[in-house]
Amino acid sequence: MPKFITSIRLQGANEKDYAVLSREMKKNSFNPVPETRKNAAGGSDSTFVFNTNSNKSLVDTTTLVSLAAATTGKKYSFTLFKEKSKLES
């Protein structure tokens, strides 16, 4: 079963927007990864990271992430990684 990790950033978002994003991601079997990053100014970065183990393809997983981020009504960007299994190495 592939493991996917995604990092999502919402533009001009507040805590309520990220709560909506988190709820939508959990509906699609994504789990939040506790992570706090520091930006160049020393403040915290508004990037949320989620992971999932699913039988979905990379394209299907990308679609789910995009739809979940779109529910916030904010502009967004994300990266998605598929973790290689030991059998794929």
Protein backbone atom coordinates (compact mmCIF):
# COMPACT_ATOMS: atom_id res chain seq x y z
CA MET A 1 0.00 0.00 0.00
CA PRO A 2 1.62 3.30 -1.05
CA LYS A 3 2.21 6.07 1.44
CA PHE A 4 1.65 9.66 0.35
CA ILE A 5 2.82 12.81 2.12
CA THR A 6 1.42 16.22 1.20
CA SER A 7 2.30 19.73 2.29
CA ILE A 8 -0.44 22.34 1.80
CA ARG A 9 -0.29 26.13 2.06
CA LEU A 10 -3.38 28.35 1.94
CA GLN A 11 -2.94 31.98 0.92
CA GLY A 12 -4.45 34.56 3.29
CA ALA A 13 -5.93 31.86 5.52
CA ASN A 14 -6.81 31.95 9.20
CA GLU A 15 -7.25 29.19 11.79
CA LYS A 16 -10.85 28.56 10.69
CA ASP A 17 -9.69 27.90 7.11
CA TYR A 18 -7.08 25.41 8.29
CA ALA A 19 -9.70 23.72 10.50
CA VAL A 20 -11.88 23.25 7.39
CA LEU A 21 -8.88 21.91 5.48
CA SER A 22 -8.00 19.50 8.29
CA ARG A 23 -11.59 18.22 8.49
CA GLU A 24 -11.76 17.64 4.74
CA MET A 25 -8.39 15.88 4.69
CA LYS A 26 -9.44 13.58 7.54
CA LYS A 27 -12.59 12.65 5.56
CA ASN A 28 -10.24 11.35 2.86
CA SER A 29 -8.12 9.28 5.29
CA PHE A 30 -5.29 11.80 5.62
CA ASN A 31 -3.68 12.24 9.03
CA PRO A 32 -2.10 15.52 10.16
CA VAL A 33 1.63 15.41 10.84
CA PRO A 34 2.62 17.57 13.81
CA GLU A 35 5.22 19.91 12.37
CA THR A 36 6.11 23.53 13.06
CA ARG A 37 8.46 25.30 10.69
CA LYS A 38 10.14 28.64 11.17
CA ASN A 39 10.16 31.09 8.29
CA ALA A 40 13.02 33.48 7.45
CA ALA A 41 11.59 36.15 9.79
CA GLY A 42 11.53 33.68 12.69
CA GLY A 43 7.73 33.31 12.76
CA SER A 44 5.89 30.07 12.24
CA ASP A 45 5.00 29.01 8.72
CA SER A 46 1.39 28.32 7.70
CA THR A 47 2.06 25.04 5.95
CA PHE A 48 0.20 21.93 7.02
CA VAL A 49 1.49 18.42 6.37
CA PHE A 50 -0.65 15.28 6.08
CA ASN A 51 0.07 11.67 5.28
CA THR A 52 -1.97 8.68 4.22
CA ASN A 53 -1.64 5.02 3.36
CA SER A 54 -4.10 4.27 0.60
CA ASN A 55 -4.69 2.08 -2.42
CA LYS A 56 -5.33 5.15 -4.56
CA SER A 57 -3.13 6.20 -7.44
CA LEU A 58 -0.99 9.33 -7.42
CA VAL A 59 -3.51 11.07 -9.71
CA ASP A 60 -6.47 10.14 -7.47
CA THR A 61 -4.62 11.30 -4.36
CA THR A 62 -3.70 14.59 -6.04
CA THR A 63 -7.36 15.12 -6.91
CA LEU A 64 -8.45 14.48 -3.31
CA VAL A 65 -5.91 16.97 -1.94
CA SER A 66 -6.93 19.61 -4.49
CA LEU A 67 -10.64 19.19 -3.74
CA ALA A 68 -10.05 19.36 0.02
CA ALA A 69 -7.99 22.55 -0.31
CA ALA A 70 -10.57 24.11 -2.63
CA THR A 71 -13.31 23.74 0.02
CA THR A 72 -11.62 26.52 2.02
CA GLY A 73 -12.30 29.07 -0.72
CA LYS A 74 -8.68 30.26 -0.49
CA LYS A 75 -5.92 30.11 -3.08
CA TYR A 76 -3.67 27.18 -2.31
CA SER A 77 -0.54 25.33 -3.30
CA PHE A 78 0.60 21.86 -2.37
CA THR A 79 3.27 19.29 -2.98
CA LEU A 80 2.61 15.57 -2.92
CA PHE A 81 5.19 12.83 -2.50
CA LYS A 82 4.79 9.12 -2.91
CA GLU A 83 7.06 7.29 -0.53
CA LYS A 84 8.80 4.39 -2.21
CA SER A 85 8.29 0.99 -0.68
CA LYS A 86 11.25 -1.31 -0.16
CA LEU A 87 10.01 -3.45 -3.04
CA GLU A 88 10.18 -0.48 -5.44
CA SER A 89 13.83 0.37 -4.65
